[in-house]
Amino acid sequence: MICLTFVWTVAFFFSELLQCIPLSVNWSGFGSLYGQCLNVNMMIIAQAWSDVAMNIIILALPIVKVCLPSQSWYKLLTQPRSLSYNYPWGGS
């Protein structure tokens, strides 16, 4: 997941950096030089939606560890001490 986040960051960094050709249009403005730029609104929307998707994936990663018990379901249900002693303090 760290690699995916790094690749996502680098890709959007360079897409923002190289959105106009020639590059001098980025700092001199549209009136002084002739050039072409990408659709900035679509880039922002793509970045926002992909950021939301990445955040949902990152937040969903620990759910598997939290939802699965450390012991079998049979052992949890047949031994009342395991539920009352382990889970209030984080489980074992």
N, C-alpha and C. Protein backbone atom coordinates (compact mmCIF):
# COMPACT_ATOMS: atom_id res chain seq x y z
N MET A 1 0.83 -1.19 0.00
CA MET A 1 0.00 0.00 0.00
C MET A 1 0.87 1.25 0.00
N ILE A 2 2.01 1.16 0.66
CA ILE A 2 2.92 2.30 0.68
C ILE A 2 3.43 2.58 -0.73
N CYS A 3 3.75 1.54 -1.47
CA CYS A 3 4.23 1.72 -2.85
C CYS A 3 3.15 2.33 -3.73
N LEU A 4 1.92 1.87 -3.57
CA LEU A 4 0.81 2.42 -4.35
C LEU A 4 0.59 3.90 -4.03
N THR A 5 0.68 4.26 -2.76
CA THR A 5 0.53 5.66 -2.37
C THR A 5 1.67 6.51 -2.93
N PHE A 6 2.87 5.97 -2.91
CA PHE A 6 4.02 6.70 -3.46
C PHE A 6 3.87 6.91 -4.96
N VAL A 7 3.48 5.87 -5.67
CA VAL A 7 3.29 5.98 -7.13
C VAL A 7 2.17 6.98 -7.45
N TRP A 8 1.09 6.93 -6.67
CA TRP A 8 -0.03 7.86 -6.87
C TRP A 8 0.44 9.31 -6.67
N THR A 9 1.22 9.55 -5.63
CA THR A 9 1.72 10.89 -5.34
C THR A 9 2.63 11.39 -6.45
N VAL A 10 3.55 10.56 -6.89
CA VAL A 10 4.49 10.96 -7.94
C VAL A 10 3.75 11.21 -9.25
N ALA A 11 2.77 10.38 -9.57
CA ALA A 11 2.02 10.54 -10.82
C ALA A 11 1.26 11.85 -10.83
N PHE A 12 0.59 12.18 -9.76
CA PHE A 12 -0.15 13.44 -9.75
C PHE A 12 0.76 14.65 -9.62
N PHE A 13 1.92 14.49 -8.99
CA PHE A 13 2.88 15.59 -8.94
C PHE A 13 3.35 15.96 -10.35
N PHE A 14 3.74 14.96 -11.12
CA PHE A 14 4.23 15.24 -12.46
C PHE A 14 3.11 15.65 -13.41
N SER A 15 1.90 15.15 -13.19
CA SER A 15 0.79 15.59 -14.05
C SER A 15 0.46 17.05 -13.79
N GLU A 16 0.57 17.51 -12.55
CA GLU A 16 0.36 18.94 -12.26
C GLU A 16 1.53 19.77 -12.77
N LEU A 17 2.73 19.26 -12.64
CA LEU A 17 3.91 20.00 -13.07
C LEU A 17 3.95 20.16 -14.59
N LEU A 18 3.57 19.14 -15.31
CA LEU A 18 3.67 19.14 -16.76
C LEU A 18 2.31 19.34 -17.45
N GLN A 19 1.40 20.04 -16.79
CA GLN A 19 0.07 20.20 -17.37
C GLN A 19 0.05 21.16 -18.56
N CYS A 20 1.01 22.06 -18.64
CA CYS A 20 1.05 23.01 -19.76
C CYS A 20 2.32 22.80 -20.57
N ILE A 21 2.19 22.94 -21.90
CA ILE A 21 3.34 22.85 -22.79
C ILE A 21 3.35 24.10 -23.64
N PRO A 22 4.37 24.87 -23.65
CA PRO A 22 5.66 24.78 -22.97
C PRO A 22 5.51 25.06 -21.48
N LEU A 23 6.49 24.62 -20.70
CA LEU A 23 6.42 24.74 -19.24
C LEU A 23 6.37 26.18 -18.77
N SER A 24 6.89 27.11 -19.54
CA SER A 24 6.91 28.51 -19.12
C SER A 24 5.51 29.11 -19.02
N VAL A 25 4.52 28.48 -19.62
CA VAL A 25 3.15 28.97 -19.51
C VAL A 25 2.67 28.85 -18.07
N ASN A 26 3.21 27.89 -17.32
CA ASN A 26 2.80 27.70 -15.93
C ASN A 26 3.04 28.94 -15.08
N TRP A 27 4.15 29.62 -15.26
CA TRP A 27 4.45 30.76 -14.39
C TRP A 27 4.27 32.11 -15.07
N SER A 28 4.17 32.15 -16.39
CA SER A 28 4.00 33.44 -17.05
C SER A 28 2.55 33.75 -17.39
N GLY A 29 1.69 32.78 -17.32
CA GLY A 29 0.28 33.02 -17.58
C GLY A 29 -0.09 32.69 -19.01
N PHE A 30 -1.38 32.72 -19.28
CA PHE A 30 -1.87 32.32 -20.59
C PHE A 30 -1.80 33.44 -21.61
N GLY A 31 -1.78 34.70 -21.17
CA GLY A 31 -1.82 35.80 -22.12
C GLY A 31 -0.49 36.10 -22.78
N SER A 32 0.62 35.76 -22.13
CA SER A 32 1.92 36.17 -22.66
C SER A 32 2.51 35.17 -23.65
N LEU A 33 2.23 33.93 -23.52
CA LEU A 33 2.80 32.92 -24.40
C LEU A 33 1.69 32.03 -24.95
N TYR A 34 1.99 31.44 -26.09
CA TYR A 34 1.05 30.49 -26.65
C TYR A 34 1.43 29.10 -26.16
N GLY A 35 0.43 28.36 -25.76
CA GLY A 35 0.69 27.00 -25.30
C GLY A 35 -0.62 26.27 -25.10
N GLN A 36 -0.49 25.04 -24.78
CA GLN A 36 -1.66 24.21 -24.51
C GLN A 36 -1.57 23.65 -23.11
N CYS A 37 -2.71 23.60 -22.45
CA CYS A 37 -2.79 23.02 -21.11
C CYS A 37 -3.87 21.95 -21.08
N LEU A 38 -3.69 21.02 -20.19
CA LEU A 38 -4.69 19.98 -19.99
C LEU A 38 -5.91 20.58 -19.29
N ASN A 39 -6.99 19.83 -19.28
CA ASN A 39 -8.19 20.26 -18.57
C ASN A 39 -7.94 20.13 -17.07
N VAL A 40 -7.73 21.27 -16.42
CA VAL A 40 -7.36 21.28 -15.01
C VAL A 40 -8.51 20.78 -14.14
N ASN A 41 -9.73 21.11 -14.50
CA ASN A 41 -10.88 20.67 -13.70
C ASN A 41 -10.98 19.15 -13.67
N MET A 42 -10.75 18.51 -14.80
CA MET A 42 -10.80 17.05 -14.83
C MET A 42 -9.66 16.44 -14.02
N MET A 43 -8.50 17.07 -14.04
CA MET A 43 -7.37 16.57 -13.24
C MET A 43 -7.68 16.67 -11.75
N ILE A 44 -8.30 17.77 -11.33
CA ILE A 44 -8.64 17.94 -9.93
C ILE A 44 -9.69 16.91 -9.51
N ILE A 45 -10.69 16.68 -10.36
CA ILE A 45 -11.72 15.69 -10.05
C ILE A 45 -11.12 14.29 -9.98
N ALA A 46 -10.23 13.96 -10.90
CA ALA A 46 -9.59 12.64 -10.88
C ALA A 46 -8.74 12.47 -9.63
N GLN A 47 -8.04 13.52 -9.26
CA GLN A 47 -7.21 13.44 -8.06
C GLN A 47 -8.08 13.30 -6.81
N ALA A 48 -9.17 14.03 -6.75
CA ALA A 48 -10.04 13.96 -5.58
C ALA A 48 -10.68 12.58 -5.43
N TRP A 49 -11.21 12.04 -6.52
CA TRP A 49 -11.87 10.74 -6.43
C TRP A 49 -10.88 9.62 -6.16
N SER A 50 -9.71 9.69 -6.76
CA SER A 50 -8.71 8.66 -6.47
C SER A 50 -8.19 8.78 -5.04
N ASP A 51 -8.14 10.00 -4.51
CA ASP A 51 -7.74 10.20 -3.12
C ASP A 51 -8.79 9.61 -2.18
N VAL A 52 -10.06 9.80 -2.48
CA VAL A 52 -11.12 9.22 -1.66
C VAL A 52 -11.04 7.69 -1.69
N ALA A 53 -10.82 7.13 -2.86
CA ALA A 53 -10.71 5.67 -2.98
C ALA A 53 -9.51 5.15 -2.19
N MET A 54 -8.37 5.83 -2.28
CA MET A 54 -7.18 5.41 -1.54
C MET A 54 -7.42 5.50 -0.04
N ASN A 55 -8.09 6.56 0.40
CA ASN A 55 -8.37 6.70 1.83
C ASN A 55 -9.30 5.60 2.33
N ILE A 56 -10.28 5.23 1.55
CA ILE A 56 -11.19 4.14 1.94
C ILE A 56 -10.42 2.83 2.04
N ILE A 57 -9.54 2.58 1.09
CA ILE A 57 -8.74 1.35 1.12
C ILE A 57 -7.82 1.34 2.34
N ILE A 58 -7.18 2.47 2.63
CA ILE A 58 -6.27 2.54 3.77
C ILE A 58 -7.04 2.35 5.08
N LEU A 59 -8.22 2.95 5.18
CA LEU A 59 -9.02 2.79 6.39
C LEU A 59 -9.59 1.39 6.54
N ALA A 60 -9.81 0.70 5.43
CA ALA A 60 -10.39 -0.64 5.48
C ALA A 60 -9.35 -1.72 5.77
N LEU A 61 -8.09 -1.45 5.63
CA LEU A 61 -7.06 -2.47 5.85
C LEU A 61 -7.09 -3.08 7.25
N PRO A 62 -7.19 -2.31 8.32
CA PRO A 62 -7.15 -2.94 9.65
C PRO A 62 -8.47 -3.59 10.07
N ILE A 63 -9.54 -3.46 9.30
CA ILE A 63 -10.83 -4.02 9.68
C ILE A 63 -10.74 -5.54 9.79
N VAL A 64 -9.98 -6.17 8.95
CA VAL A 64 -9.85 -7.63 8.99
C VAL A 64 -9.24 -8.06 10.32
N LYS A 65 -8.22 -7.38 10.77
CA LYS A 65 -7.57 -7.72 12.03
C LYS A 65 -8.49 -7.45 13.22
N VAL A 66 -9.28 -6.39 13.13
CA VAL A 66 -10.15 -6.04 14.25
C VAL A 66 -11.34 -6.98 14.32
N CYS A 67 -11.91 -7.34 13.20
CA CYS A 67 -13.13 -8.16 13.18
C CYS A 67 -12.88 -9.64 13.45
N LEU A 68 -11.76 -10.15 13.07
CA LEU A 68 -11.49 -11.56 13.29
C LEU A 68 -10.99 -11.77 14.72
N PRO A 69 -11.60 -12.68 15.45
CA PRO A 69 -11.15 -12.93 16.82
C PRO A 69 -9.82 -13.68 16.84
N SER A 70 -9.13 -13.55 17.96
CA SER A 70 -7.84 -14.23 18.07
C SER A 70 -8.00 -15.71 18.39
N GLN A 71 -9.18 -16.10 18.83
CA GLN A 71 -9.46 -17.50 19.13
C GLN A 71 -10.58 -17.97 18.21
N SER A 72 -10.83 -19.28 18.21
CA SER A 72 -11.91 -19.80 17.39
C SER A 72 -13.26 -19.38 17.98
N TRP A 73 -14.28 -19.33 17.12
CA TRP A 73 -15.62 -18.94 17.58
C TRP A 73 -16.14 -19.93 18.60
N TYR A 74 -15.86 -21.23 18.41
CA TYR A 74 -16.33 -22.25 19.36
C TYR A 74 -15.74 -22.00 20.75
N LYS A 75 -14.46 -21.70 20.79
CA LYS A 75 -13.79 -21.47 22.06
C LYS A 75 -14.31 -20.19 22.72
N LEU A 76 -14.58 -19.17 21.93
CA LEU A 76 -15.10 -17.94 22.48
C LEU A 76 -16.49 -18.12 23.08
N LEU A 77 -17.33 -18.93 22.43
CA LEU A 77 -18.70 -19.09 22.89
C LEU A 77 -18.83 -20.11 24.02
N THR A 78 -17.92 -21.08 24.12
CA THR A 78 -18.03 -22.10 25.15
C THR A 78 -17.29 -21.74 26.42
N GLN A 79 -16.36 -20.84 26.35
CA GLN A 79 -15.63 -20.41 27.55
C GLN A 79 -15.99 -18.97 27.86
N PRO A 80 -16.85 -18.75 28.83
CA PRO A 80 -17.28 -17.38 29.11
C PRO A 80 -16.16 -16.49 29.62
N ARG A 81 -15.14 -17.08 30.19
CA ARG A 81 -14.04 -16.26 30.69
C ARG A 81 -13.27 -15.60 29.55
N SER A 82 -13.21 -16.25 28.40
CA SER A 82 -12.41 -15.69 27.31
C SER A 82 -13.00 -14.38 26.81
N LEU A 83 -14.31 -14.30 26.75
CA LEU A 83 -14.93 -13.04 26.32
C LEU A 83 -14.82 -11.96 27.37
N SER A 84 -15.05 -12.32 28.61
CA SER A 84 -15.10 -11.29 29.65
C SER A 84 -13.71 -10.79 30.03
N TYR A 85 -12.69 -11.64 29.95
CA TYR A 85 -11.38 -11.20 30.39
C TYR A 85 -10.50 -10.66 29.27
N ASN A 86 -10.59 -11.22 28.09
CA ASN A 86 -9.66 -10.82 27.03
C ASN A 86 -10.12 -9.58 26.26
N TYR A 87 -11.36 -9.52 25.87
CA TYR A 87 -11.77 -8.47 24.95
C TYR A 87 -11.90 -7.08 25.55
N PRO A 88 -12.26 -6.92 26.80
CA PRO A 88 -12.25 -5.54 27.33
C PRO A 88 -10.88 -4.91 27.33
N TRP A 89 -9.81 -5.72 27.38
CA TRP A 89 -8.46 -5.18 27.41
C TRP A 89 -7.72 -5.40 26.10
N GLY A 90 -8.42 -5.62 25.02
CA GLY A 90 -7.78 -5.71 23.73
C GLY A 90 -7.60 -7.11 23.21
N GLY A 91 -7.99 -8.12 23.91
CA GLY A 91 -7.88 -9.49 23.40
C GLY A 91 -6.47 -10.03 23.52
N SER A 92 -6.36 -11.30 23.35
CA SER A 92 -5.02 -11.90 23.42
C SER A 92 -4.82 -12.87 22.30
